[in-house]
């Protein structure tokens, strides 16, 4: 049986209005997610997370008031406290986050192509949503879990990003990754998005694959102690371990072997593909080498995550191709930001 298609919602207006629309449409899912999150941690851990959430919101009031307004809109529509709503996006404040993914990208004169199979534990896909945000001065598409700021995205300027988890060191001070991702979506190109990554402290390890409508492509690995390491490339593939020397020095090798045991075999399979077109990237994302722990992944005893969605961002065309579940078993839906432009 084919997986149920991820819901698609267009949000209009100011950040606060879009937040309220988000909360009104998905209130039950948001409450379920928050209850599950709360039940996963002790009172002490939860109180600590809320304290960090409150401090982060205070900082964001000056740095990114539109993000705060959107979060408050979600809180208003769901009768939840905004500190708790932020915790849905600020998973680093609580820990316990596991997302194993495979990314691929290609630089072209007509615009970069940035893609990913997003892997997650079973049932995570139940609360995934595709959002198109249409504001007075911004327009973007993101795939998010209900109540959150978004996992991957592309804006109307043709800037797109995907993200892979890296298990490096962790920090107490910094911005949540999903907040940084939304800050990047306000930028016009790869260089500006990379400047965002360089301007803020990171709470944990991540790899960002950035592409834009001018065809630029950049792979960026970040960590609390390693800082930012980046490289401009013609094509790129990435899984869940660092490929640059500096962040690799901080990798918890034992934890990677335990949490993402398929990372290196997925990278080997990805590197076996020649990337010259969107079709080549699609073929890579459908790869079942070493199944079930493949690029197009099924849950297994040693790694209980599976591909929840597959996305291909065509930056030049401002189009997102989105497949629910494993891409070798499902069809891509095409969503154009140009068709959803505000008039």
Protein backbone atom coordinates (compact mmCIF):
# COMPACT_ATOMS: atom_id res chain seq x y z
CA UNK A 1 0.00 0.00 0.00
CA UNK A 2 1.33 3.44 -0.96
CA UNK A 3 1.89 5.82 1.98
CA UNK A 4 -0.63 8.57 2.58
CA UNK A 5 0.39 11.77 0.82
CA UNK A 6 1.83 14.51 3.04
CA UNK A 7 -0.80 17.27 3.53
CA UNK A 8 -0.26 20.56 1.68
CA UNK A 9 -1.21 23.89 3.27
CA UNK A 10 -0.81 27.46 1.99
CA UNK A 11 -0.39 30.10 4.72
CA UNK A 12 -1.13 33.77 3.94
CA UNK A 13 -0.51 37.13 5.58
CA UNK A 14 1.72 38.39 8.35
CA UNK A 15 3.90 36.01 10.36
CA UNK A 16 1.38 36.10 13.22
CA UNK A 17 -1.50 35.36 10.84
CA UNK A 18 0.39 32.48 9.25
CA UNK A 19 1.16 31.10 12.69
CA UNK A 20 -2.50 31.22 13.67
CA UNK A 21 -3.51 29.51 10.43
CA UNK A 22 -0.88 26.82 11.09
CA UNK A 23 -2.15 26.27 14.64
CA UNK A 24 -5.83 26.28 13.66
CA UNK A 25 -5.31 23.74 10.87
CA UNK A 26 -3.11 21.35 12.86
CA UNK A 27 -4.04 21.92 16.50
CA UNK A 28 -4.78 18.28 17.29
CA UNK A 29 -1.49 17.09 15.72
CA UNK A 30 0.48 19.78 17.55
CA UNK A 31 -1.06 18.85 20.89
CA UNK A 32 -0.35 15.16 20.28
CA UNK A 33 3.28 15.90 19.37
CA UNK A 34 3.80 18.13 22.38
CA UNK A 35 2.24 15.58 24.75
CA UNK A 36 4.46 12.84 23.35
CA UNK A 37 7.51 15.07 23.68
CA UNK A 38 6.62 16.01 27.25
CA UNK A 39 6.12 12.38 28.26
CA UNK A 40 9.57 11.49 26.92
CA UNK A 41 11.40 13.55 29.55
CA UNK A 42 11.55 13.93 33.30
CA UNK A 43 10.17 17.00 35.07
CA UNK A 44 13.72 18.24 35.60
CA UNK A 45 14.63 17.86 31.94
CA UNK A 46 11.41 19.52 30.81
CA UNK A 47 11.84 22.46 33.17
CA UNK A 48 15.40 22.92 31.95
CA UNK A 49 14.23 22.84 28.34
CA UNK A 50 11.53 25.44 29.02
CA UNK A 51 14.06 27.70 30.74
CA UNK A 52 16.32 27.52 27.70
CA UNK A 53 13.31 28.09 25.43
CA UNK A 54 12.36 31.26 27.33
CA UNK A 55 15.91 32.62 27.05
CA UNK A 56 15.98 31.81 23.34
CA UNK A 57 12.68 33.60 22.70
CA UNK A 58 13.99 36.69 24.46
CA UNK A 59 17.01 36.69 22.15
CA UNK A 60 14.86 36.10 19.07
CA UNK A 61 12.62 39.09 19.89
CA UNK A 62 15.48 41.32 18.71
CA UNK A 63 17.12 38.98 16.18
CA UNK A 64 14.09 37.52 14.37
CA UNK A 65 10.80 39.11 15.52
CA UNK A 66 8.91 37.58 12.58
CA UNK A 67 9.79 34.06 13.77
CA UNK A 68 8.63 34.93 17.29
CA UNK A 69 5.38 36.35 15.90
CA UNK A 70 4.77 33.14 13.97
CA UNK A 71 5.42 31.00 17.05
CA UNK A 72 3.09 33.17 19.12
CA UNK A 73 0.45 32.79 16.42
CA UNK A 74 0.69 29.00 16.68
CA UNK A 75 0.49 29.28 20.48
CA UNK A 76 -2.55 31.55 20.35
CA UNK A 77 -4.43 29.19 18.02
CA UNK A 78 -3.68 26.11 20.11
CA UNK A 79 -3.94 27.63 23.62
CA UNK A 80 -0.38 26.49 24.32
CA UNK A 81 2.45 28.45 25.89
CA UNK A 82 4.87 29.85 23.32
CA UNK A 83 7.79 28.37 25.30
CA UNK A 84 6.35 24.91 24.69
CA UNK A 85 5.68 25.63 21.01
CA UNK A 86 9.33 26.61 20.51
CA UNK A 87 10.44 23.35 22.15
CA UNK A 88 8.87 21.46 19.22
CA UNK A 89 11.47 23.17 17.02
CA UNK A 90 14.27 23.46 19.60
CA UNK A 91 14.87 19.73 20.02
CA UNK A 92 18.47 20.44 21.09
CA UNK A 93 17.14 21.87 24.37
CA UNK A 94 15.88 18.39 25.31
CA UNK A 95 17.94 15.87 23.31
CA UNK A 96 16.77 12.57 21.87
CA UNK A 97 16.73 13.65 18.20
CA UNK A 98 17.43 10.99 15.54
CA UNK A 99 17.20 11.73 11.81
CA UNK A 100 19.41 9.77 9.40
CA UNK A 101 19.36 11.18 5.86
CA UNK A 102 21.05 11.03 2.45
CA UNK A 103 21.53 14.24 0.45
CA UNK A 104 22.56 14.86 -3.15
CA UNK A 105 22.99 18.07 -5.13
CA UNK A 106 24.11 19.33 -8.52
CA UNK A 107 25.32 22.72 -9.74
CA UNK A 108 23.96 23.77 -13.16
CA UNK A 109 23.87 27.08 -15.10
CA UNK A 110 20.07 26.87 -15.00
CA UNK A 111 20.11 26.65 -11.21
CA UNK A 112 21.26 24.19 -8.61
CA UNK A 113 19.33 21.03 -7.74
CA UNK A 114 19.31 20.14 -4.03
CA UNK A 115 17.74 16.87 -2.85
CA UNK A 116 17.35 14.57 0.11
CA UNK A 117 15.82 11.37 1.41
CA UNK A 118 14.70 12.34 4.93
CA UNK A 119 14.80 9.31 7.20
CA UNK A 120 13.10 9.13 10.60
CA UNK A 121 11.69 6.66 13.13
CA UNK A 122 8.37 4.98 12.37
CA UNK A 123 5.26 7.15 12.80
CA UNK A 124 7.22 10.42 12.49
CA UNK A 125 5.71 10.87 9.03
CA UNK A 126 2.19 11.08 10.51
CA UNK A 127 2.65 14.75 11.41
CA UNK A 128 4.61 15.94 8.38
CA UNK A 129 3.18 18.85 6.38
CA UNK A 130 4.19 20.75 3.24
CA UNK A 131 3.75 24.49 3.84
CA UNK A 132 3.85 27.33 1.35
CA UNK A 133 4.27 30.64 3.20
CA UNK A 134 3.01 33.70 1.32
CA UNK A 135 3.82 36.91 3.16
CA UNK A 136 4.00 40.51 2.01
CA UNK A 137 7.79 40.38 1.69
CA UNK A 138 8.62 36.66 1.72
CA UNK A 139 7.56 33.47 0.02
CA UNK A 140 8.92 30.03 0.69
CA UNK A 141 8.10 26.34 0.83
CA UNK A 142 9.14 24.06 3.67
CA UNK A 143 8.46 20.54 4.84
CA UNK A 144 7.81 20.55 8.57
CA UNK A 145 6.43 18.50 11.40
CA UNK A 146 3.22 20.03 12.74
CA UNK A 147 3.99 22.97 15.02
CA UNK A 148 7.61 23.34 13.92
CA UNK A 149 9.53 25.85 11.80
CA UNK A 150 10.53 23.37 9.10
CA UNK A 151 13.16 20.72 8.26
CA UNK A 152 14.06 21.62 4.66
CA UNK A 153 13.02 24.44 2.35
CA UNK A 154 13.35 26.74 -0.65
CA UNK A 155 12.39 30.39 -1.03
CA UNK A 156 11.11 32.54 -3.88
CA UNK A 157 14.63 33.72 -4.71
CA UNK A 158 15.59 30.13 -5.52
CA UNK A 159 17.70 29.47 -2.42
CA UNK A 160 17.25 25.92 -1.12
CA UNK A 161 18.76 23.81 1.63
CA UNK A 162 18.64 20.29 3.02
CA UNK A 163 20.28 19.07 6.21
CA UNK A 164 22.02 15.98 7.61
CA UNK A 165 22.65 15.26 11.29
CA UNK A 166 26.25 14.85 12.45
CA UNK A 167 27.11 13.45 15.88
CA UNK A 168 29.75 15.88 17.11
CA UNK A 169 30.00 17.66 20.45
CA UNK A 170 27.09 19.64 21.94
CA UNK A 171 26.83 23.14 23.40
CA UNK A 172 24.63 24.87 25.97
CA UNK A 173 24.59 28.23 24.19
CA UNK A 174 23.52 28.86 20.62
CA UNK A 175 20.48 28.93 18.36
CA UNK A 176 18.31 25.89 17.59
CA UNK A 177 19.01 24.46 14.16
CA UNK A 178 15.44 24.97 12.92
CA UNK A 179 15.64 28.67 13.83
CA UNK A 180 18.87 29.00 11.85
CA UNK A 181 17.24 27.25 8.90
CA UNK A 182 14.42 29.79 8.87
CA UNK A 183 16.91 32.65 9.08
CA UNK A 184 18.58 31.22 5.95
CA UNK A 185 15.25 31.15 4.11
CA UNK A 186 15.14 34.95 4.38
CA UNK A 187 18.29 35.21 2.22
CA UNK A 188 18.69 35.45 -1.55
CA UNK A 189 21.62 33.17 -2.34
CA UNK A 190 24.13 30.60 -1.10
CA UNK A 191 26.71 33.16 0.03
CA UNK A 192 24.19 35.02 2.20
CA UNK A 193 22.86 31.76 3.68
CA UNK A 194 26.41 30.67 4.46
CA UNK A 195 26.94 33.99 6.23
CA UNK A 196 23.94 33.17 8.44
CA UNK A 197 25.58 29.86 9.36
CA UNK A 198 28.81 31.68 10.20
CA UNK A 199 27.05 34.36 12.27
CA UNK A 200 25.47 32.12 14.91
CA UNK A 201 26.66 29.56 17.42
CA UNK A 202 25.47 26.02 16.77
CA UNK A 203 24.19 23.69 19.48
CA UNK A 204 25.18 20.45 17.74
CA UNK A 205 26.62 19.02 14.53
CA UNK A 206 24.92 19.50 11.15
CA UNK A 207 25.72 19.41 7.45
CA UNK A 208 23.85 21.83 5.20
CA UNK A 209 23.70 21.46 1.44
CA UNK A 210 22.93 24.88 -0.05
CA UNK A 211 21.97 25.71 -3.65
CA UNK A 212 20.57 28.74 -5.45
CA UNK A 213 19.03 29.92 -8.71
CA UNK A 214 22.40 31.14 -10.00
CA UNK A 215 23.68 27.57 -9.91
CA UNK A 216 25.91 27.94 -6.87
CA UNK A 217 26.28 24.89 -4.63
CA UNK A 218 27.97 24.73 -1.24
CA UNK A 219 28.42 21.97 1.33
CA UNK A 220 28.68 23.32 4.89
CA UNK A 221 29.48 21.27 8.01
CA UNK A 222 28.95 23.01 11.36
CA UNK A 223 29.61 22.13 14.99
CA UNK A 224 29.96 23.86 18.36
CA UNK A 225 33.73 23.41 18.58
CA UNK A 226 34.65 22.91 14.91
CA UNK A 227 32.77 26.02 13.77
CA UNK A 228 31.91 26.24 10.06
CA UNK A 229 33.74 24.36 7.31
CA UNK A 230 32.45 24.82 3.77
CA UNK A 231 33.34 24.13 0.16
CA UNK A 232 31.88 25.17 -3.19
CA UNK A 233 31.25 22.09 -5.36
CA UNK A 234 29.89 21.07 -8.76
CA UNK A 235 28.04 18.15 -7.21
CA UNK A 236 27.75 16.75 -3.68
CA UNK A 237 26.51 13.73 -1.74
CA UNK A 238 26.36 13.42 2.03
CA UNK A 239 25.04 11.11 4.75
CA UNK A 240 25.51 11.21 8.55
CA UNK A 241 29.20 11.60 9.20
CA UNK A 242 31.52 14.54 8.46
CA UNK A 243 33.64 14.46 5.32
CA UNK A 244 35.74 17.54 6.18
CA UNK A 245 38.78 17.09 8.43
CA UNK A 246 38.06 19.69 11.11
CA UNK A 247 34.53 18.55 12.09
CA UNK A 248 35.66 14.91 11.75
CA UNK A 249 38.01 15.50 14.68
CA UNK A 250 34.94 16.06 16.88
CA UNK A 251 32.88 13.10 15.66
CA UNK A 252 31.67 10.61 18.27
CA UNK A 253 32.61 7.57 16.18
CA UNK A 254 31.08 5.03 18.59
CA UNK A 255 27.75 6.88 18.67
CA UNK A 256 27.65 7.13 14.87
CA UNK A 257 28.26 3.39 14.55
CA UNK A 258 25.42 2.82 17.01
CA UNK A 259 22.87 5.36 15.73
CA UNK A 260 23.67 5.58 11.99
CA UNK A 261 25.43 2.29 11.14
CA UNK A 262 24.42 2.58 7.46
CA UNK A 263 25.93 6.06 6.98
CA UNK A 264 29.15 5.01 5.28
CA UNK A 265 27.55 2.33 3.09
CA UNK A 266 24.91 4.85 1.98
CA UNK A 267 27.69 7.31 1.12
CA UNK A 268 29.54 4.66 -0.91
CA UNK A 269 26.34 3.88 -2.82
CA UNK A 270 25.69 7.58 -3.42
CA UNK A 271 29.22 8.15 -4.73
CA UNK A 272 28.72 5.37 -7.27
CA UNK A 273 26.21 7.56 -9.11
CA UNK A 274 27.19 10.10 -11.77
CA UNK A 275 25.23 13.31 -11.21
CA UNK A 276 24.52 15.32 -14.35
CA UNK A 277 20.74 15.78 -14.28
CA UNK A 278 17.60 15.68 -12.15
CA UNK A 279 17.02 12.14 -13.44
CA UNK A 280 20.44 11.11 -12.07
CA UNK A 281 19.54 12.51 -8.65
CA UNK A 282 16.19 10.72 -8.74
CA UNK A 283 18.00 7.46 -9.55
CA UNK A 284 20.34 7.98 -6.60
CA UNK A 285 17.47 8.64 -4.19
CA UNK A 286 15.78 5.39 -5.31
CA UNK A 287 18.93 3.31 -4.73
CA UNK A 288 18.26 0.12 -2.70
CA UNK A 289 21.85 -1.10 -2.41
CA UNK A 290 22.40 -2.92 0.92
CA UNK A 291 18.65 -2.83 1.65
CA UNK A 292 17.00 -2.43 4.05
CA UNK A 293 19.70 0.03 5.20
CA UNK A 294 19.82 1.71 1.82
CA UNK A 295 19.60 5.26 0.49
CA UNK A 296 15.90 4.60 -0.07
CA UNK A 297 15.65 3.20 3.41
CA UNK A 298 13.43 0.73 5.23
CA UNK A 299 13.48 0.27 9.02
CA UNK A 300 15.72 -2.53 10.26
CA UNK A 301 16.67 -4.03 13.62
CA UNK A 302 20.05 -2.31 13.65
CA UNK A 303 18.75 1.05 12.36
CA UNK A 304 15.01 1.55 12.97
CA UNK A 305 14.51 4.50 10.64
CA UNK A 306 12.98 4.64 7.18
CA UNK A 307 12.62 7.25 4.45
CA UNK A 308 9.65 9.41 5.46
CA UNK A 309 9.85 11.69 2.42
CA UNK A 310 12.07 12.46 -0.54
CA UNK A 311 12.45 15.99 -1.90
CA UNK A 312 14.14 17.48 -4.97
CA UNK A 313 14.42 21.29 -5.07
CA UNK A 314 14.97 22.74 -8.56
CA UNK A 315 16.28 26.19 -7.62
CA UNK A 316 16.13 27.70 -11.11
CA UNK A 317 12.53 26.66 -11.69
CA UNK A 318 11.51 27.35 -8.06
CA UNK A 319 9.95 23.91 -7.97
CA UNK A 320 9.86 21.22 -5.31
CA UNK A 321 9.30 17.55 -6.16
CA UNK A 322 8.06 15.72 -3.06
CA UNK A 323 7.44 12.00 -2.61
CA UNK A 324 5.95 10.49 0.54
CA UNK A 325 7.87 7.52 1.89
CA UNK A 326 10.47 5.65 -0.18
CA UNK A 327 10.85 7.29 -3.62
CA UNK A 328 11.28 3.93 -5.37
CA UNK A 329 7.73 3.07 -4.26
CA UNK A 330 5.95 6.40 -4.72
CA UNK A 331 5.52 9.25 -7.20
CA UNK A 332 6.76 12.80 -6.83
CA UNK A 333 4.29 15.66 -6.53
CA UNK A 334 5.38 18.91 -8.20
CA UNK A 335 4.83 22.19 -6.31
CA UNK A 336 5.81 25.50 -7.90
CA UNK A 337 6.49 28.63 -5.86
CA UNK A 338 5.87 30.67 -9.02
CA UNK A 339 2.29 29.38 -9.16
CA UNK A 340 1.77 30.33 -5.52
CA UNK A 341 3.16 33.84 -5.80
CA UNK A 342 1.33 36.58 -3.91
CA UNK A 343 -0.41 39.04 -6.23
